[in-house]
Amino acid sequence: RRIGEQAADTLRRDKAIMGVFDEGCMGMYNAIIDDELLNPMGIYKERLSQSALVAEMRRVERRDHDPPARCQHATSFGERAADPPGPVAIQALVQELAQIAAPEAKAADVTLDVRPGPPAAVVGHGVELRQALLNLVRNAIAAAPRAGLVTIAHSVSAERLLIAIENDHVPGTGSRPGMGIGLIIARSIAASHGGSIREDRPDAQHYCFTLDLPLAGGTNA
């Protein structure tokens, strides 16, 4: 019961997307939580198939197969102290982000361009920040026209880190990023790290979303 209460508190505080596999399989309707109850809380379900589960399992890092580590994580779920924030190197984070998003960009016939930036670090949860940025990049890829360009660039200004994700836009198409759940989750993650996300229109041919975070220690790293 204690773990369940901690999990509920964490979901209410941090929000989440729940991955649900074969919901309603074999008539197990009593295990289904209605979307009408979850969505107002900021929690959403993504229904997946067993084949998707197998695909995701193949991406689990070897360290996640360590039973003692998994047990420790499960019993401390919901307690921030069990997963304290730490320094996150931005250059490595951006490169990892680009590697994850590259297949989606290729499939959409969109060029993903990572611009060089200064060494910098923030204090936070790397997994959460990666998810926030990945949501923004995926939105940009989806909104960009075929043969379009999505750029990822970071800079430092007044003890703040700015990560800008910009995509080409064809005027009159009505296609623009930031219209779904991904942006809501990204904004929540940014706020929990003392930051924000703003939308800019450099010109009629581009959209830009910028993640603004405080630098680690207020200085470049």
C-alpha atoms as a PDB file:
ATOM      1  CA  ARG A   1       0.000   0.000   0.000  1.00  0.00           C
ATOM      2  CA  ARG A   2       2.799   2.422   0.876  1.00  0.00           C
ATOM      3  CA  ILE A   3       4.443   1.944  -2.530  1.00  0.00           C
ATOM      4  CA  GLY A   4       1.093   2.434  -4.252  1.00  0.00           C
ATOM      5  CA  GLU A   5       0.490   5.699  -2.382  1.00  0.00           C
ATOM      6  CA  GLN A   6       3.986   6.904  -3.289  1.00  0.00           C
ATOM      7  CA  ALA A   7       3.388   6.027  -6.944  1.00  0.00           C
ATOM      8  CA  ALA A   8       0.075   7.917  -6.935  1.00  0.00           C
ATOM      9  CA  ASP A   9       1.689  10.988  -5.361  1.00  0.00           C
ATOM     10  CA  THR A  10       4.474  10.916  -7.955  1.00  0.00           C
ATOM     11  CA  LEU A  11       2.027  10.656 -10.855  1.00  0.00           C
ATOM     12  CA  ARG A  12      -0.004  13.577  -9.527  1.00  0.00           C
ATOM     13  CA  ARG A  13       3.123  15.679  -9.054  1.00  0.00           C
ATOM     14  CA  ASP A  14       5.203  14.834 -12.105  1.00  0.00           C
ATOM     15  CA  LYS A  15       2.521  13.654 -14.577  1.00  0.00           C
ATOM     16  CA  ALA A  16       3.201  10.791 -16.953  1.00  0.00           C
ATOM     17  CA  ILE A  17       2.155   8.776 -19.953  1.00  0.00           C
ATOM     18  CA  MET A  18       1.156   5.255 -18.976  1.00  0.00           C
ATOM     19  CA  GLY A  19       2.101   2.492 -21.393  1.00  0.00           C
ATOM     20  CA  VAL A  20      -0.761  -0.003 -21.474  1.00  0.00           C
ATOM     21  CA  PHE A  21      -0.281  -3.378 -23.184  1.00  0.00           C
ATOM     22  CA  ASP A  22      -3.299  -5.264 -24.550  1.00  0.00           C
ATOM     23  CA  GLU A  23      -5.784  -3.255 -22.510  1.00  0.00           C
ATOM     24  CA  GLY A  24      -8.992  -5.230 -22.071  1.00  0.00           C
ATOM     25  CA  CYS A  25      -7.358  -8.480 -23.197  1.00  0.00           C
ATOM     26  CA  MET A  26      -9.423 -11.585 -22.306  1.00  0.00           C
ATOM     27  CA  GLY A  27     -12.252  -9.460 -20.968  1.00  0.00           C
ATOM     28  CA  MET A  28     -10.245  -7.973 -18.089  1.00  0.00           C
ATOM     29  CA  TYR A  29     -12.228  -4.722 -18.143  1.00  0.00           C
ATOM     30  CA  ASN A  30     -12.083  -4.410 -14.351  1.00  0.00           C
ATOM     31  CA  ALA A  31      -8.373  -3.561 -14.692  1.00  0.00           C
ATOM     32  CA  ILE A  32      -9.007  -0.584 -16.986  1.00  0.00           C
ATOM     33  CA  ILE A  33      -8.811   2.965 -15.625  1.00  0.00           C
ATOM     34  CA  ASP A  34     -11.077   5.192 -17.708  1.00  0.00           C
ATOM     35  CA  ASP A  35      -9.416   7.968 -19.717  1.00  0.00           C
ATOM     36  CA  GLU A  36     -12.063  10.368 -18.385  1.00  0.00           C
ATOM     37  CA  LEU A  37     -10.627   9.900 -14.893  1.00  0.00           C
ATOM     38  CA  LEU A  38      -6.941  10.020 -15.839  1.00  0.00           C
ATOM     39  CA  ASN A  39      -6.808  12.885 -18.352  1.00  0.00           C
ATOM     40  CA  PRO A  40      -7.962  15.682 -16.000  1.00  0.00           C
ATOM     41  CA  MET A  41      -5.037  14.725 -13.745  1.00  0.00           C
ATOM     42  CA  GLY A  42      -2.555  15.254 -16.576  1.00  0.00           C
ATOM     43  CA  ILE A  43      -1.944  11.517 -17.019  1.00  0.00           C
ATOM     44  CA  TYR A  44      -2.454   9.876 -20.393  1.00  0.00           C
ATOM     45  CA  LYS A  45      -2.428   6.306 -21.655  1.00  0.00           C
ATOM     46  CA  GLU A  46      -0.579   5.070 -24.707  1.00  0.00           C
ATOM     47  CA  ARG A  47      -1.951   1.716 -25.808  1.00  0.00           C
ATOM     48  CA  LEU A  48       0.754  -0.618 -27.057  1.00  0.00           C
ATOM     49  CA  SER A  49       0.871  -4.131 -28.443  1.00  0.00           C
ATOM     50  CA  GLN A  50       2.931  -7.066 -27.188  1.00  0.00           C
ATOM     51  CA  SER A  51       5.198  -6.664 -30.215  1.00  0.00           C
ATOM     52  CA  ALA A  52       5.887  -3.089 -29.092  1.00  0.00           C
ATOM     53  CA  LEU A  53       6.754  -4.414 -25.626  1.00  0.00           C
ATOM     54  CA  VAL A  54       9.278  -6.839 -27.117  1.00  0.00           C
ATOM     55  CA  ALA A  55      10.821  -4.018 -29.166  1.00  0.00           C
ATOM     56  CA  GLU A  56      11.152  -1.790 -26.105  1.00  0.00           C
ATOM     57  CA  MET A  57      12.618  -4.605 -23.997  1.00  0.00           C
ATOM     58  CA  ARG A  58      15.446  -4.956 -26.492  1.00  0.00           C
ATOM     59  CA  ARG A  59      16.389  -1.327 -25.790  1.00  0.00           C
ATOM     60  CA  VAL A  60      16.725  -1.808 -22.024  1.00  0.00           C
ATOM     61  CA  GLU A  61      20.291  -1.268 -20.917  1.00  0.00           C
ATOM     62  CA  ARG A  62      22.120  -4.172 -19.332  1.00  0.00           C
ATOM     63  CA  ARG A  63      22.359  -2.398 -15.974  1.00  0.00           C
ATOM     64  CA  ASP A  64      18.559  -2.374 -15.793  1.00  0.00           C
ATOM     65  CA  HIS A  65      18.602  -6.189 -15.673  1.00  0.00           C
ATOM     66  CA  ASP A  66      20.307  -6.100 -12.257  1.00  0.00           C
ATOM     67  CA  PRO A  67      17.643  -7.547  -9.861  1.00  0.00           C
ATOM     68  CA  PRO A  68      18.941  -5.861  -6.669  1.00  0.00           C
ATOM     69  CA  ALA A  69      18.981  -2.482  -8.389  1.00  0.00           C
ATOM     70  CA  ARG A  70      15.479  -2.999  -9.768  1.00  0.00           C
ATOM     71  CA  CYS A  71      14.156  -4.014  -6.336  1.00  0.00           C
ATOM     72  CA  GLN A  72      15.736  -1.005  -4.674  1.00  0.00           C
ATOM     73  CA  HIS A  73      14.219   1.293  -7.294  1.00  0.00           C
ATOM     74  CA  ALA A  74      10.770  -0.284  -6.919  1.00  0.00           C
ATOM     75  CA  THR A  75      10.676  -0.002  -3.123  1.00  0.00           C
ATOM     76  CA  SER A  76      11.770   3.649  -3.259  1.00  0.00           C
ATOM     77  CA  PHE A  77       9.456   4.650  -6.123  1.00  0.00           C
ATOM     78  CA  GLY A  78       8.003   8.112  -5.626  1.00  0.00           C
ATOM     79  CA  GLU A  79      10.737   9.322  -3.325  1.00  0.00           C
ATOM     80  CA  ARG A  80      12.826  12.033  -4.990  1.00  0.00           C
ATOM     81  CA  ALA A  81      15.643  11.345  -2.530  1.00  0.00           C
ATOM     82  CA  ALA A  82      16.085   7.901  -4.106  1.00  0.00           C
ATOM     83  CA  ASP A  83      16.858   9.519  -7.447  1.00  0.00           C
ATOM     84  CA  PRO A  84      18.506  12.850  -6.593  1.00  0.00           C
ATOM     85  CA  PRO A  85      19.241  15.398  -9.309  1.00  0.00           C
ATOM     86  CA  GLY A  86      22.785  15.576 -10.570  1.00  0.00           C
ATOM     87  CA  PRO A  87      24.882  17.416 -13.147  1.00  0.00           C
ATOM     88  CA  VAL A  88      23.756  16.870 -16.729  1.00  0.00           C
ATOM     89  CA  ALA A  89      26.299  17.630 -19.477  1.00  0.00           C
ATOM     90  CA  ILE A  90      24.383  19.349 -22.255  1.00  0.00           C
ATOM     91  CA  GLN A  91      26.639  18.482 -25.190  1.00  0.00           C
ATOM     92  CA  ALA A  92      26.357  14.765 -24.427  1.00  0.00           C
ATOM     93  CA  LEU A  93      22.604  15.087 -23.863  1.00  0.00           C
ATOM     94  CA  VAL A  94      22.074  16.811 -27.208  1.00  0.00           C
ATOM     95  CA  GLN A  95      24.171  14.240 -29.068  1.00  0.00           C
ATOM     96  CA  GLU A  96      22.220  11.398 -27.463  1.00  0.00           C
ATOM     97  CA  LEU A  97      18.982  13.153 -28.362  1.00  0.00           C
ATOM     98  CA  ALA A  98      20.041  13.437 -31.988  1.00  0.00           C
ATOM     99  CA  GLN A  99      20.902   9.737 -32.161  1.00  0.00           C
ATOM    100  CA  ILE A 100      17.481   8.768 -30.807  1.00  0.00           C
ATOM    101  CA  ALA A 101      15.589  11.096 -33.144  1.00  0.00           C
ATOM    102  CA  ALA A 102      17.647  10.364 -36.275  1.00  0.00           C
ATOM    103  CA  PRO A 103      15.589   7.342 -37.459  1.00  0.00           C
ATOM    104  CA  GLU A 104      12.327   9.289 -37.143  1.00  0.00           C
ATOM    105  CA  ALA A 105      13.782  12.237 -39.036  1.00  0.00           C
ATOM    106  CA  LYS A 106      15.042   9.950 -41.799  1.00  0.00           C
ATOM    107  CA  ALA A 107      11.665   8.244 -42.104  1.00  0.00           C
ATOM    108  CA  ALA A 108       9.990  11.648 -42.443  1.00  0.00           C
ATOM    109  CA  ASP A 109      12.567  12.814 -45.020  1.00  0.00           C
ATOM    110  CA  VAL A 110      13.671  15.579 -42.663  1.00  0.00           C
ATOM    111  CA  THR A 111      17.279  16.621 -42.061  1.00  0.00           C
ATOM    112  CA  LEU A 112      18.289  16.827 -38.396  1.00  0.00           C
ATOM    113  CA  ASP A 113      21.107  19.324 -37.840  1.00  0.00           C
ATOM    114  CA  VAL A 114      22.865  19.646 -34.459  1.00  0.00           C
ATOM    115  CA  ARG A 115      24.722  22.947 -34.165  1.00  0.00           C
ATOM    116  CA  PRO A 116      27.869  23.148 -32.011  1.00  0.00           C
ATOM    117  CA  GLY A 117      27.567  25.000 -28.705  1.00  0.00           C
ATOM    118  CA  PRO A 118      29.607  25.854 -25.624  1.00  0.00           C
ATOM    119  CA  PRO A 119      30.299  23.329 -22.844  1.00  0.00           C
ATOM    120  CA  ALA A 120      27.547  23.666 -20.269  1.00  0.00           C
ATOM    121  CA  ALA A 121      25.737  21.706 -17.571  1.00  0.00           C
ATOM    122  CA  VAL A 122      22.531  21.905 -15.580  1.00  0.00           C
ATOM    123  CA  VAL A 123      21.458  20.179 -12.382  1.00  0.00           C
ATOM    124  CA  GLY A 124      18.518  17.849 -12.832  1.00  0.00           C
ATOM    125  CA  HIS A 125      17.322  14.456 -13.996  1.00  0.00           C
ATOM    126  CA  GLY A 126      18.896  13.552 -17.314  1.00  0.00           C
ATOM    127  CA  VAL A 127      16.182  11.075 -18.300  1.00  0.00           C
ATOM    128  CA  GLU A 128      13.442  13.660 -17.781  1.00  0.00           C
ATOM    129  CA  LEU A 129      15.292  16.412 -19.652  1.00  0.00           C
ATOM    130  CA  ARG A 130      15.998  14.049 -22.531  1.00  0.00           C
ATOM    131  CA  GLN A 131      12.286  13.188 -22.694  1.00  0.00           C
ATOM    132  CA  ALA A 132      11.295  16.859 -22.733  1.00  0.00           C
ATOM    133  CA  LEU A 133      13.697  17.624 -25.559  1.00  0.00           C
ATOM    134  CA  LEU A 134      12.732  14.495 -27.452  1.00  0.00           C
ATOM    135  CA  ASN A 135       9.088  15.569 -27.326  1.00  0.00           C
ATOM    136  CA  LEU A 136      10.020  18.941 -28.813  1.00  0.00           C
ATOM    137  CA  VAL A 137      12.167  17.377 -31.528  1.00  0.00           C
ATOM    138  CA  ARG A 138       9.468  14.872 -32.462  1.00  0.00           C
ATOM    139  CA  ASN A 139       6.926  17.689 -32.713  1.00  0.00           C
ATOM    140  CA  ALA A 140       9.310  19.624 -34.947  1.00  0.00           C
ATOM    141  CA  ILE A 141       9.926  16.619 -37.208  1.00  0.00           C
ATOM    142  CA  ALA A 142       6.183  16.005 -37.523  1.00  0.00           C
ATOM    143  CA  ALA A 143       5.536  19.657 -38.404  1.00  0.00           C
ATOM    144  CA  ALA A 144       8.406  20.067 -40.870  1.00  0.00           C
ATOM    145  CA  PRO A 145       7.693  19.575 -44.603  1.00  0.00           C
ATOM    146  CA  ARG A 146       9.305  16.733 -46.527  1.00  0.00           C
ATOM    147  CA  ALA A 147      12.929  17.571 -47.345  1.00  0.00           C
ATOM    148  CA  GLY A 148      12.717  20.128 -44.540  1.00  0.00           C
ATOM    149  CA  LEU A 149      15.201  20.941 -41.800  1.00  0.00           C
ATOM    150  CA  VAL A 150      15.095  20.654 -37.996  1.00  0.00           C
ATOM    151  CA  THR A 151      17.953  22.245 -36.068  1.00  0.00           C
ATOM    152  CA  ILE A 152      19.038  21.749 -32.452  1.00  0.00           C
ATOM    153  CA  ALA A 153      21.265  24.443 -30.986  1.00  0.00           C
ATOM    154  CA  HIS A 154      22.234  25.453 -27.473  1.00  0.00           C
ATOM    155  CA  SER A 155      23.734  28.631 -26.055  1.00  0.00           C
ATOM    156  CA  VAL A 156      24.427  30.291 -22.700  1.00  0.00           C
ATOM    157  CA  SER A 157      23.118  33.699 -21.691  1.00  0.00           C
ATOM    158  CA  ALA A 158      22.986  35.417 -18.281  1.00  0.00           C
ATOM    159  CA  GLU A 159      23.564  32.184 -16.325  1.00  0.00           C
ATOM    160  CA  ARG A 160      20.821  30.437 -18.288  1.00  0.00           C
ATOM    161  CA  LEU A 161      21.018  27.566 -20.748  1.00  0.00           C
ATOM    162  CA  LEU A 162      18.963  27.920 -23.919  1.00  0.00           C
ATOM    163  CA  ILE A 163      18.276  24.892 -26.128  1.00  0.00           C
ATOM    164  CA  ALA A 164      16.476  25.925 -29.319  1.00  0.00           C
ATOM    165  CA  ILE A 165      14.700  23.454 -31.601  1.00  0.00           C
ATOM    166  CA  GLU A 166      13.655  25.024 -34.879  1.00  0.00           C
ATOM    167  CA  ASN A 167      11.848  23.529 -37.855  1.00  0.00           C
ATOM    168  CA  ASP A 168      11.024  24.652 -41.368  1.00  0.00           C
ATOM    169  CA  HIS A 169       7.417  25.648 -41.956  1.00  0.00           C
ATOM    170  CA  VAL A 170       5.430  26.014 -45.156  1.00  0.00           C
ATOM    171  CA  PRO A 171       3.082  29.022 -44.788  1.00  0.00           C
ATOM    172  CA  GLY A 172      -0.564  28.206 -45.289  1.00  0.00           C
ATOM    173  CA  THR A 173      -0.288  24.508 -44.462  1.00  0.00           C
ATOM    174  CA  GLY A 174      -1.550  24.911 -40.913  1.00  0.00           C
ATOM    175  CA  SER A 175       1.067  22.435 -39.740  1.00  0.00           C
ATOM    176  CA  ARG A 176       2.868  23.556 -36.588  1.00  0.00           C
ATOM    177  CA  PRO A 177       4.608  21.842 -33.654  1.00  0.00           C
ATOM    178  CA  GLY A 178       3.462  21.880 -30.070  1.00  0.00           C
ATOM    179  CA  MET A 179      -0.184  20.912 -30.536  1.00  0.00           C
ATOM    180  CA  GLY A 180      -0.223  17.689 -28.509  1.00  0.00           C
ATOM    181  CA  ILE A 181       0.467  16.026 -25.190  1.00  0.00           C
ATOM    182  CA  GLY A 182       4.229  16.043 -25.806  1.00  0.00           C
ATOM    183  CA  LEU A 183       4.490  19.787 -25.277  1.00  0.00           C
ATOM    184  CA  ILE A 184       2.402  19.628 -22.089  1.00  0.00           C
ATOM    185  CA  ILE A 185       4.762  17.032 -20.638  1.00  0.00           C
ATOM    186  CA  ALA A 186       7.844  18.964 -21.798  1.00  0.00           C
ATOM    187  CA  ARG A 187       6.590  22.145 -20.113  1.00  0.00           C
ATOM    188  CA  SER A 188       5.932  20.222 -16.878  1.00  0.00           C
ATOM    189  CA  ILE A 189       9.459  18.786 -16.898  1.00  0.00           C
ATOM    190  CA  ALA A 190      10.960  22.206 -17.628  1.00  0.00           C
ATOM    191  CA  ALA A 191       9.032  23.786 -14.750  1.00  0.00           C
ATOM    192  CA  SER A 192      10.175  21.052 -12.330  1.00  0.00           C
ATOM    193  CA  HIS A 193      13.768  21.987 -13.240  1.00  0.00           C
ATOM    194  CA  GLY A 194      13.248  25.699 -12.652  1.00  0.00           C
ATOM    195  CA  GLY A 195      12.878  26.437 -16.341  1.00  0.00           C
ATOM    196  CA  SER A 196      10.356  27.110 -19.066  1.00  0.00           C
ATOM    197  CA  ILE A 197       9.631  26.558 -22.751  1.00  0.00           C
ATOM    198  CA  ARG A 198       8.772  29.417 -25.060  1.00  0.00           C
ATOM    199  CA  GLU A 199       7.543  29.477 -28.636  1.00  0.00           C
ATOM    200  CA  ASP A 200       8.995  31.892 -31.193  1.00  0.00           C
ATOM    201  CA  ARG A 201       8.383  32.647 -34.858  1.00  0.00           C
ATOM    202  CA  PRO A 202      11.702  33.868 -36.310  1.00  0.00           C
ATOM    203  CA  ASP A 203       9.872  34.373 -39.611  1.00  0.00           C
ATOM    204  CA  ALA A 204       6.973  32.948 -41.612  1.00  0.00           C
ATOM    205  CA  GLN A 205       9.061  29.955 -42.700  1.00  0.00           C
ATOM    206  CA  HIS A 206      10.128  28.736 -39.246  1.00  0.00           C
ATOM    207  CA  TYR A 207       8.875  27.710 -35.815  1.00  0.00           C
ATOM    208  CA  CYS A 208      11.185  27.576 -32.802  1.00  0.00           C
ATOM    209  CA  PHE A 209      10.700  26.176 -29.292  1.00  0.00           C
ATOM    210  CA  THR A 210      13.353  27.062 -26.708  1.00  0.00           C
ATOM    211  CA  LEU A 211      13.993  25.228 -23.437  1.00  0.00           C
ATOM    212  CA  ASP A 212      15.316  27.720 -20.868  1.00  0.00           C
ATOM    213  CA  LEU A 213      17.062  26.241 -17.793  1.00  0.00           C
ATOM    214  CA  PRO A 214      19.339  27.583 -15.037  1.00  0.00           C
ATOM    215  CA  LEU A 215      22.978  26.640 -15.450  1.00  0.00           C
ATOM    216  CA  ALA A 216      24.602  24.409 -12.845  1.00  0.00           C
ATOM    217  CA  GLY A 217      25.993  26.703 -10.166  1.00  0.00           C
ATOM    218  CA  GLY A 218      24.977  29.696 -12.226  1.00  0.00           C
ATOM    219  CA  THR A 219      28.120  29.338 -14.383  1.00  0.00           C
ATOM    220  CA  ASN A 220      29.324  27.506 -17.431  1.00  0.00           C
ATOM    221  CA  ALA A 221      30.539  23.965 -16.825  1.00  0.00           C
END
